[in-house]
Amino acid sequence: MTDIAAVKEQLKNFIVETSFVPAEKVQDETLIFIEGIFDSMGFLSLINFIEENFKIKAADSELLEGNFESVNAIANFISKKLN
């Protein structure tokens, strides 16, 4: 079973470190692309981070906005892939 809170914390830390936005701006439901926190290059970095840290591979068919729009969505995607 995946500790979803730990996954969310890792994701938030990564987003803050790579985008240089204040930590309080990155909440569970923050729409990271709509808010301009990440762009296409940020998305590629995010995919690499997920693959390296959680040892999962996202299929091309899974690279959908709904899977990566927020910390909650990304954590749910990771949890599904791990379980």
PDB file of N, CA and C in Angstrom:
ATOM      1  N   MET A   1       0.845  -1.191   0.000  1.00  0.00           N
ATOM      2  CA  MET A   1       0.000   0.000   0.000  1.00  0.00           C
ATOM      3  C   MET A   1       0.888   1.251   0.000  1.00  0.00           C
ATOM      4  N   THR A   2       0.478   2.236  -0.724  1.00  0.00           N
ATOM      5  CA  THR A   2       1.241   3.465  -0.860  1.00  0.00           C
ATOM      6  C   THR A   2       0.808   4.483   0.189  1.00  0.00           C
ATOM      7  N   ASP A   3       1.790   5.141   0.822  1.00  0.00           N
ATOM      8  CA  ASP A   3       1.487   6.216   1.755  1.00  0.00           C
ATOM      9  C   ASP A   3       1.249   7.488   0.940  1.00  0.00           C
ATOM     10  N   ILE A   4      -0.010   7.781   0.680  1.00  0.00           N
ATOM     11  CA  ILE A   4      -0.368   8.884  -0.209  1.00  0.00           C
ATOM     12  C   ILE A   4       0.100  10.231   0.328  1.00  0.00           C
ATOM     13  N   ALA A   5       0.098  10.399   1.639  1.00  0.00           N
ATOM     14  CA  ALA A   5       0.560  11.666   2.230  1.00  0.00           C
ATOM     15  C   ALA A   5       2.045  11.869   1.949  1.00  0.00           C
ATOM     16  N   ALA A   6       2.836  10.809   2.035  1.00  0.00           N
ATOM     17  CA  ALA A   6       4.271  10.904   1.753  1.00  0.00           C
ATOM     18  C   ALA A   6       4.508  11.207   0.280  1.00  0.00           C
ATOM     19  N   VAL A   7       3.720  10.598  -0.586  1.00  0.00           N
ATOM     20  CA  VAL A   7       3.830  10.855  -2.027  1.00  0.00           C
ATOM     21  C   VAL A   7       3.532  12.323  -2.311  1.00  0.00           C
ATOM     22  N   LYS A   8       2.456  12.842  -1.712  1.00  0.00           N
ATOM     23  CA  LYS A   8       2.091  14.251  -1.919  1.00  0.00           C
ATOM     24  C   LYS A   8       3.197  15.176  -1.445  1.00  0.00           C
ATOM     25  N   GLU A   9       3.797  14.854  -0.302  1.00  0.00           N
ATOM     26  CA  GLU A   9       4.877  15.684   0.239  1.00  0.00           C
ATOM     27  C   GLU A   9       6.072  15.699  -0.714  1.00  0.00           C
ATOM     28  N   GLN A  10       6.440  14.547  -1.232  1.00  0.00           N
ATOM     29  CA  GLN A  10       7.556  14.471  -2.188  1.00  0.00           C
ATOM     30  C   GLN A  10       7.242  15.281  -3.442  1.00  0.00           C
ATOM     31  N   LEU A  11       6.015  15.165  -3.923  1.00  0.00           N
ATOM     32  CA  LEU A  11       5.617  15.908  -5.121  1.00  0.00           C
ATOM     33  C   LEU A  11       5.672  17.413  -4.878  1.00  0.00           C
ATOM     34  N   LYS A  12       5.127  17.863  -3.755  1.00  0.00           N
ATOM     35  CA  LYS A  12       5.138  19.292  -3.445  1.00  0.00           C
ATOM     36  C   LYS A  12       6.567  19.809  -3.341  1.00  0.00           C
ATOM     37  N   ASN A  13       7.420  19.062  -2.671  1.00  0.00           N
ATOM     38  CA  ASN A  13       8.822  19.480  -2.544  1.00  0.00           C
ATOM     39  C   ASN A  13       9.475  19.595  -3.916  1.00  0.00           C
ATOM     40  N   PHE A  14       9.241  18.624  -4.781  1.00  0.00           N
ATOM     41  CA  PHE A  14       9.813  18.665  -6.127  1.00  0.00           C
ATOM     42  C   PHE A  14       9.301  19.884  -6.897  1.00  0.00           C
ATOM     43  N   ILE A  15       8.004  20.124  -6.845  1.00  0.00           N
ATOM     44  CA  ILE A  15       7.413  21.241  -7.583  1.00  0.00           C
ATOM     45  C   ILE A  15       7.980  22.572  -7.088  1.00  0.00           C
ATOM     46  N   VAL A  16       8.076  22.737  -5.786  1.00  0.00           N
ATOM     47  CA  VAL A  16       8.609  23.981  -5.216  1.00  0.00           C
ATOM     48  C   VAL A  16      10.079  24.167  -5.599  1.00  0.00           C
ATOM     49  N   GLU A  17      10.865  23.095  -5.483  1.00  0.00           N
ATOM     50  CA  GLU A  17      12.299  23.185  -5.793  1.00  0.00           C
ATOM     51  C   GLU A  17      12.569  23.484  -7.261  1.00  0.00           C
ATOM     52  N   THR A  18      11.771  22.926  -8.167  1.00  0.00           N
ATOM     53  CA  THR A  18      12.047  23.097  -9.588  1.00  0.00           C
ATOM     54  C   THR A  18      11.380  24.326 -10.198  1.00  0.00           C
ATOM     55  N   SER A  19      10.316  24.816  -9.562  1.00  0.00           N
ATOM     56  CA  SER A  19       9.610  25.967 -10.132  1.00  0.00           C
ATOM     57  C   SER A  19       9.912  27.272  -9.401  1.00  0.00           C
ATOM     58  N   PHE A  20      10.536  27.172  -8.229  1.00  0.00           N
ATOM     59  CA  PHE A  20      10.894  28.338  -7.429  1.00  0.00           C
ATOM     60  C   PHE A  20       9.694  29.168  -6.985  1.00  0.00           C
ATOM     61  N   VAL A  21       8.526  28.514  -6.862  1.00  0.00           N
ATOM     62  CA  VAL A  21       7.357  29.219  -6.320  1.00  0.00           C
ATOM     63  C   VAL A  21       7.338  29.001  -4.809  1.00  0.00           C
ATOM     64  N   PRO A  22       6.710  29.901  -4.080  1.00  0.00           N
ATOM     65  CA  PRO A  22       6.615  29.705  -2.623  1.00  0.00           C
ATOM     66  C   PRO A  22       5.838  28.422  -2.309  1.00  0.00           C
ATOM     67  N   ALA A  23       6.257  27.724  -1.278  1.00  0.00           N
ATOM     68  CA  ALA A  23       5.636  26.445  -0.904  1.00  0.00           C
ATOM     69  C   ALA A  23       4.138  26.591  -0.662  1.00  0.00           C
ATOM     70  N   GLU A  24       3.724  27.709  -0.094  1.00  0.00           N
ATOM     71  CA  GLU A  24       2.303  27.883   0.196  1.00  0.00           C
ATOM     72  C   GLU A  24       1.442  27.996  -1.059  1.00  0.00           C
ATOM     73  N   LYS A  25       2.074  28.250  -2.201  1.00  0.00           N
ATOM     74  CA  LYS A  25       1.330  28.335  -3.467  1.00  0.00           C
ATOM     75  C   LYS A  25       1.005  26.953  -4.030  1.00  0.00           C
ATOM     76  N   VAL A  26       1.695  25.925  -3.556  1.00  0.00           N
ATOM     77  CA  VAL A  26       1.488  24.567  -4.074  1.00  0.00           C
ATOM     78  C   VAL A  26       0.700  23.762  -3.047  1.00  0.00           C
ATOM     79  N   GLN A  27      -0.606  23.705  -3.261  1.00  0.00           N
ATOM     80  CA  GLN A  27      -1.506  22.942  -2.405  1.00  0.00           C
ATOM     81  C   GLN A  27      -1.943  21.675  -3.148  1.00  0.00           C
ATOM     82  N   ASP A  28      -2.658  20.796  -2.460  1.00  0.00           N
ATOM     83  CA  ASP A  28      -3.086  19.531  -3.062  1.00  0.00           C
ATOM     84  C   ASP A  28      -3.915  19.723  -4.330  1.00  0.00           C
ATOM     85  N   GLU A  29      -4.744  20.757  -4.359  1.00  0.00           N
ATOM     86  CA  GLU A  29      -5.641  20.979  -5.493  1.00  0.00           C
ATOM     87  C   GLU A  29      -5.177  22.090  -6.438  1.00  0.00           C
ATOM     88  N   THR A  30      -4.004  22.655  -6.215  1.00  0.00           N
ATOM     89  CA  THR A  30      -3.485  23.703  -7.103  1.00  0.00           C
ATOM     90  C   THR A  30      -3.316  23.132  -8.509  1.00  0.00           C
ATOM     91  N   LEU A  31      -3.868  23.811  -9.495  1.00  0.00           N
ATOM     92  CA  LEU A  31      -3.743  23.382 -10.893  1.00  0.00           C
ATOM     93  C   LEU A  31      -2.402  23.898 -11.418  1.00  0.00           C
ATOM     94  N   ILE A  32      -1.400  23.025 -11.371  1.00  0.00           N
ATOM     95  CA  ILE A  32      -0.019  23.459 -11.571  1.00  0.00           C
ATOM     96  C   ILE A  32       0.284  23.985 -12.970  1.00  0.00           C
ATOM     97  N   PHE A  33      -0.478  23.552 -13.965  1.00  0.00           N
ATOM     98  CA  PHE A  33      -0.237  24.061 -15.320  1.00  0.00           C
ATOM     99  C   PHE A  33      -1.074  25.310 -15.585  1.00  0.00           C
ATOM    100  N   ILE A  34      -2.317  25.301 -15.165  1.00  0.00           N
ATOM    101  CA  ILE A  34      -3.188  26.461 -15.350  1.00  0.00           C
ATOM    102  C   ILE A  34      -2.665  27.658 -14.570  1.00  0.00           C
ATOM    103  N   GLU A  35      -2.115  27.405 -13.381  1.00  0.00           N
ATOM    104  CA  GLU A  35      -1.560  28.479 -12.543  1.00  0.00           C
ATOM    105  C   GLU A  35      -0.198  28.966 -13.067  1.00  0.00           C
ATOM    106  N   GLY A  36       0.349  28.279 -14.063  1.00  0.00           N
ATOM    107  CA  GLY A  36       1.628  28.689 -14.631  1.00  0.00           C
ATOM    108  C   GLY A  36       2.836  28.258 -13.819  1.00  0.00           C
ATOM    109  N   ILE A  37       2.639  27.323 -12.900  1.00  0.00           N
ATOM    110  CA  ILE A  37       3.754  26.840 -12.091  1.00  0.00           C
ATOM    111  C   ILE A  37       4.678  25.966 -12.945  1.00  0.00           C
ATOM    112  N   PHE A  38       4.076  25.125 -13.765  1.00  0.00           N
ATOM    113  CA  PHE A  38       4.843  24.270 -14.692  1.00  0.00           C
ATOM    114  C   PHE A  38       4.391  24.530 -16.114  1.00  0.00           C
ATOM    115  N   ASP A  39       5.343  24.400 -17.035  1.00  0.00           N
ATOM    116  CA  ASP A  39       5.048  24.447 -18.457  1.00  0.00           C
ATOM    117  C   ASP A  39       5.426  23.081 -19.039  1.00  0.00           C
ATOM    118  N   SER A  40       5.607  22.992 -20.338  1.00  0.00           N
ATOM    119  CA  SER A  40       5.922  21.691 -20.954  1.00  0.00           C
ATOM    120  C   SER A  40       7.259  21.136 -20.476  1.00  0.00           C
ATOM    121  N   MET A  41       8.232  22.000 -20.251  1.00  0.00           N
ATOM    122  CA  MET A  41       9.521  21.521 -19.737  1.00  0.00           C
ATOM    123  C   MET A  41       9.375  21.030 -18.297  1.00  0.00           C
ATOM    124  N   GLY A  42       8.567  21.725 -17.525  1.00  0.00           N
ATOM    125  CA  GLY A  42       8.281  21.281 -16.166  1.00  0.00           C
ATOM    126  C   GLY A  42       7.590  19.931 -16.160  1.00  0.00           C
ATOM    127  N   PHE A  43       6.720  19.722 -17.142  1.00  0.00           N
ATOM    128  CA  PHE A  43       6.018  18.440 -17.261  1.00  0.00           C
ATOM    129  C   PHE A  43       7.016  17.309 -17.516  1.00  0.00           C
ATOM    130  N   LEU A  44       7.968  17.538 -18.400  1.00  0.00           N
ATOM    131  CA  LEU A  44       8.988  16.516 -18.674  1.00  0.00           C
ATOM    132  C   LEU A  44       9.811  16.215 -17.430  1.00  0.00           C
ATOM    133  N   SER A  45      10.159  17.253 -16.694  1.00  0.00           N
ATOM    134  CA  SER A  45      10.896  17.059 -15.437  1.00  0.00           C
ATOM    135  C   SER A  45      10.065  16.270 -14.437  1.00  0.00           C
ATOM    136  N   LEU A  46       8.778  16.571 -14.383  1.00  0.00           N
ATOM    137  CA  LEU A  46       7.871  15.865 -13.476  1.00  0.00           C
ATOM    138  C   LEU A  46       7.798  14.381 -13.826  1.00  0.00           C
ATOM    139  N   ILE A  47       7.658  14.075 -15.096  1.00  0.00           N
ATOM    140  CA  ILE A  47       7.597  12.667 -15.536  1.00  0.00           C
ATOM    141  C   ILE A  47       8.894  11.956 -15.161  1.00  0.00           C
ATOM    142  N   ASN A  48      10.028  12.580 -15.409  1.00  0.00           N
ATOM    143  CA  ASN A  48      11.317  11.976 -15.039  1.00  0.00           C
ATOM    144  C   ASN A  48      11.406  11.757 -13.534  1.00  0.00           C
ATOM    145  N   PHE A  49      10.968  12.734 -12.757  1.00  0.00           N
ATOM    146  CA  PHE A  49      10.968  12.624 -11.295  1.00  0.00           C
ATOM    147  C   PHE A  49      10.123  11.429 -10.847  1.00  0.00           C
ATOM    148  N   ILE A  50       8.935  11.308 -11.395  1.00  0.00           N
ATOM    149  CA  ILE A  50       8.041  10.202 -11.031  1.00  0.00           C
ATOM    150  C   ILE A  50       8.668   8.866 -11.383  1.00  0.00           C
ATOM    151  N   GLU A  51       9.203   8.769 -12.596  1.00  0.00           N
ATOM    152  CA  GLU A  51       9.798   7.503 -13.034  1.00  0.00           C
ATOM    153  C   GLU A  51      10.999   7.114 -12.184  1.00  0.00           C
ATOM    154  N   GLU A  52      11.840   8.080 -11.841  1.00  0.00           N
ATOM    155  CA  GLU A  52      13.040   7.783 -11.053  1.00  0.00           C
ATOM    156  C   GLU A  52      12.731   7.506  -9.586  1.00  0.00           C
ATOM    157  N   ASN A  53      11.837   8.283  -8.998  1.00  0.00           N
ATOM    158  CA  ASN A  53      11.588   8.169  -7.564  1.00  0.00           C
ATOM    159  C   ASN A  53      10.591   7.087  -7.175  1.00  0.00           C
ATOM    160  N   PHE A  54       9.669   6.793  -8.067  1.00  0.00           N
ATOM    161  CA  PHE A  54       8.647   5.800  -7.737  1.00  0.00           C
ATOM    162  C   PHE A  54       8.788   4.521  -8.564  1.00  0.00           C
ATOM    163  N   LYS A  55       9.792   4.508  -9.449  1.00  0.00           N
ATOM    164  CA  LYS A  55      10.102   3.325 -10.257  1.00  0.00           C
ATOM    165  C   LYS A  55       8.887   2.841 -11.053  1.00  0.00           C
ATOM    166  N   ILE A  56       8.158   3.802 -11.624  1.00  0.00           N
ATOM    167  CA  ILE A  56       7.036   3.460 -12.490  1.00  0.00           C
ATOM    168  C   ILE A  56       7.238   4.147 -13.830  1.00  0.00           C
ATOM    169  N   LYS A  57       6.608   3.616 -14.847  1.00  0.00           N
ATOM    170  CA  LYS A  57       6.705   4.172 -16.192  1.00  0.00           C
ATOM    171  C   LYS A  57       5.308   4.590 -16.638  1.00  0.00           C
ATOM    172  N   ALA A  58       5.176   5.824 -17.061  1.00  0.00           N
ATOM    173  CA  ALA A  58       3.901   6.315 -17.576  1.00  0.00           C
ATOM    174  C   ALA A  58       3.823   5.999 -19.065  1.00  0.00           C
ATOM    175  N   ALA A  59       2.797   5.283 -19.456  1.00  0.00           N
ATOM    176  CA  ALA A  59       2.573   4.982 -20.875  1.00  0.00           C
ATOM    177  C   ALA A  59       2.115   6.259 -21.578  1.00  0.00           C
ATOM    178  N   ASP A  60       2.372   6.334 -22.876  1.00  0.00           N
ATOM    179  CA  ASP A  60       1.949   7.511 -23.635  1.00  0.00           C
ATOM    180  C   ASP A  60       0.455   7.781 -23.451  1.00  0.00           C
ATOM    181  N   SER A  61      -0.338   6.721 -23.401  1.00  0.00           N
ATOM    182  CA  SER A  61      -1.789   6.875 -23.255  1.00  0.00           C
ATOM    183  C   SER A  61      -2.190   7.412 -21.889  1.00  0.00           C
ATOM    184  N   GLU A  62      -1.277   7.392 -20.926  1.00  0.00           N
ATOM    185  CA  GLU A  62      -1.557   7.890 -19.579  1.00  0.00           C
ATOM    186  C   GLU A  62      -1.125   9.342 -19.381  1.00  0.00           C
ATOM    187  N   LEU A  63      -0.458   9.907 -20.368  1.00  0.00           N
ATOM    188  CA  LEU A  63       0.031  11.285 -20.256  1.00  0.00           C
ATOM    189  C   LEU A  63      -1.094  12.271 -20.560  1.00  0.00           C
ATOM    190  N   LEU A  64      -2.115  12.222 -19.726  1.00  0.00           N
ATOM    191  CA  LEU A  64      -3.300  13.047 -19.886  1.00  0.00           C
ATOM    192  C   LEU A  64      -3.323  14.143 -18.827  1.00  0.00           C
ATOM    193  N   GLU A  65      -3.902  15.258 -19.181  1.00  0.00           N
ATOM    194  CA  GLU A  65      -3.971  16.385 -18.252  1.00  0.00           C
ATOM    195  C   GLU A  65      -4.595  15.976 -16.922  1.00  0.00           C
ATOM    196  N   GLY A  66      -5.631  15.176 -16.962  1.00  0.00           N
ATOM    197  CA  GLY A  66      -6.320  14.764 -15.751  1.00  0.00           C
ATOM    198  C   GLY A  66      -5.449  14.013 -14.766  1.00  0.00           C
ATOM    199  N   ASN A  67      -4.425  13.335 -15.257  1.00  0.00           N
ATOM    200  CA  ASN A  67      -3.521  12.579 -14.379  1.00  0.00           C
ATOM    201  C   ASN A  67      -2.460  13.446 -13.715  1.00  0.00           C
ATOM    202  N   PHE A  68      -2.248  14.656 -14.235  1.00  0.00           N
ATOM    203  CA  PHE A  68      -1.122  15.471 -13.782  1.00  0.00           C
ATOM    204  C   PHE A  68      -1.481  16.923 -13.465  1.00  0.00           C
ATOM    205  N   GLU A  69      -2.758  17.230 -13.360  1.00  0.00           N
ATOM    206  CA  GLU A  69      -3.164  18.626 -13.199  1.00  0.00           C
ATOM    207  C   GLU A  69      -2.914  19.196 -11.808  1.00  0.00           C
ATOM    208  N   SER A  70      -2.836  18.334 -10.800  1.00  0.00           N
ATOM    209  CA  SER A  70      -2.642  18.804  -9.420  1.00  0.00           C
ATOM    210  C   SER A  70      -1.859  17.755  -8.641  1.00  0.00           C
ATOM    211  N   VAL A  71      -1.428  18.126  -7.445  1.00  0.00           N
ATOM    212  CA  VAL A  71      -0.729  17.176  -6.576  1.00  0.00           C
ATOM    213  C   VAL A  71      -1.632  15.979  -6.283  1.00  0.00           C
ATOM    214  N   ASN A  72      -2.902  16.227  -6.007  1.00  0.00           N
ATOM    215  CA  ASN A  72      -3.837  15.124  -5.751  1.00  0.00           C
ATOM    216  C   ASN A  72      -3.925  14.185  -6.948  1.00  0.00           C
ATOM    217  N   ALA A  73      -4.063  14.753  -8.144  1.00  0.00           N
ATOM    218  CA  ALA A  73      -4.189  13.932  -9.347  1.00  0.00           C
ATOM    219  C   ALA A  73      -2.921  13.105  -9.583  1.00  0.00           C
ATOM    220  N   ILE A  74      -1.766  13.710  -9.407  1.00  0.00           N
ATOM    221  CA  ILE A  74      -0.497  13.006  -9.610  1.00  0.00           C
ATOM    222  C   ILE A  74      -0.332  11.904  -8.570  1.00  0.00           C
ATOM    223  N   ALA A  75      -0.639  12.205  -7.320  1.00  0.00           N
ATOM    224  CA  ALA A  75      -0.526  11.205  -6.253  1.00  0.00           C
ATOM    225  C   ALA A  75      -1.463  10.031  -6.512  1.00  0.00           C
ATOM    226  N   ASN A  76      -2.672  10.304  -6.980  1.00  0.00           N
ATOM    227  CA  ASN A  76      -3.611   9.223  -7.313  1.00  0.00           C
ATOM    228  C   ASN A  76      -3.093   8.385  -8.469  1.00  0.00           C
ATOM    229  N   PHE A  77      -2.504   9.042  -9.460  1.00  0.00           N
ATOM    230  CA  PHE A  77      -1.924   8.323 -10.597  1.00  0.00           C
ATOM    231  C   PHE A  77      -0.804   7.396 -10.121  1.00  0.00           C
ATOM    232  N   ILE A  78       0.081   7.925  -9.298  1.00  0.00           N
ATOM    233  CA  ILE A  78       1.198   7.132  -8.767  1.00  0.00           C
ATOM    234  C   ILE A  78       0.680   5.962  -7.937  1.00  0.00           C
ATOM    235  N   SER A  79      -0.308   6.220  -7.107  1.00  0.00           N
ATOM    236  CA  SER A  79      -0.877   5.183  -6.254  1.00  0.00           C
ATOM    237  C   SER A  79      -1.476   4.050  -7.094  1.00  0.00           C
ATOM    238  N   LYS A  80      -2.213   4.403  -8.157  1.00  0.00           N
ATOM    239  CA  LYS A  80      -2.788   3.390  -9.039  1.00  0.00           C
ATOM    240  C   LYS A  80      -1.708   2.553  -9.708  1.00  0.00           C
ATOM    241  N   LYS A  81      -0.635   3.214 -10.136  1.00  0.00           N
ATOM    242  CA  LYS A  81       0.446   2.494 -10.822  1.00  0.00           C
ATOM    243  C   LYS A  81       1.194   1.556  -9.874  1.00  0.00           C
ATOM    244  N   LEU A  82       1.316   1.943  -8.607  1.00  0.00           N
ATOM    245  CA  LEU A  82       2.048   1.137  -7.643  1.00  0.00           C
ATOM    246  C   LEU A  82       1.221  -0.015  -7.072  1.00  0.00           C
ATOM    247  N   ASN A  83      -0.094   0.120  -7.087  1.00  0.00           N
ATOM    248  CA  ASN A  83      -0.951  -0.912  -6.478  1.00  0.00           C
ATOM    249  C   ASN A  83      -1.575  -1.846  -7.489  1.00  0.00           C
TER     250      ASN A  83
END
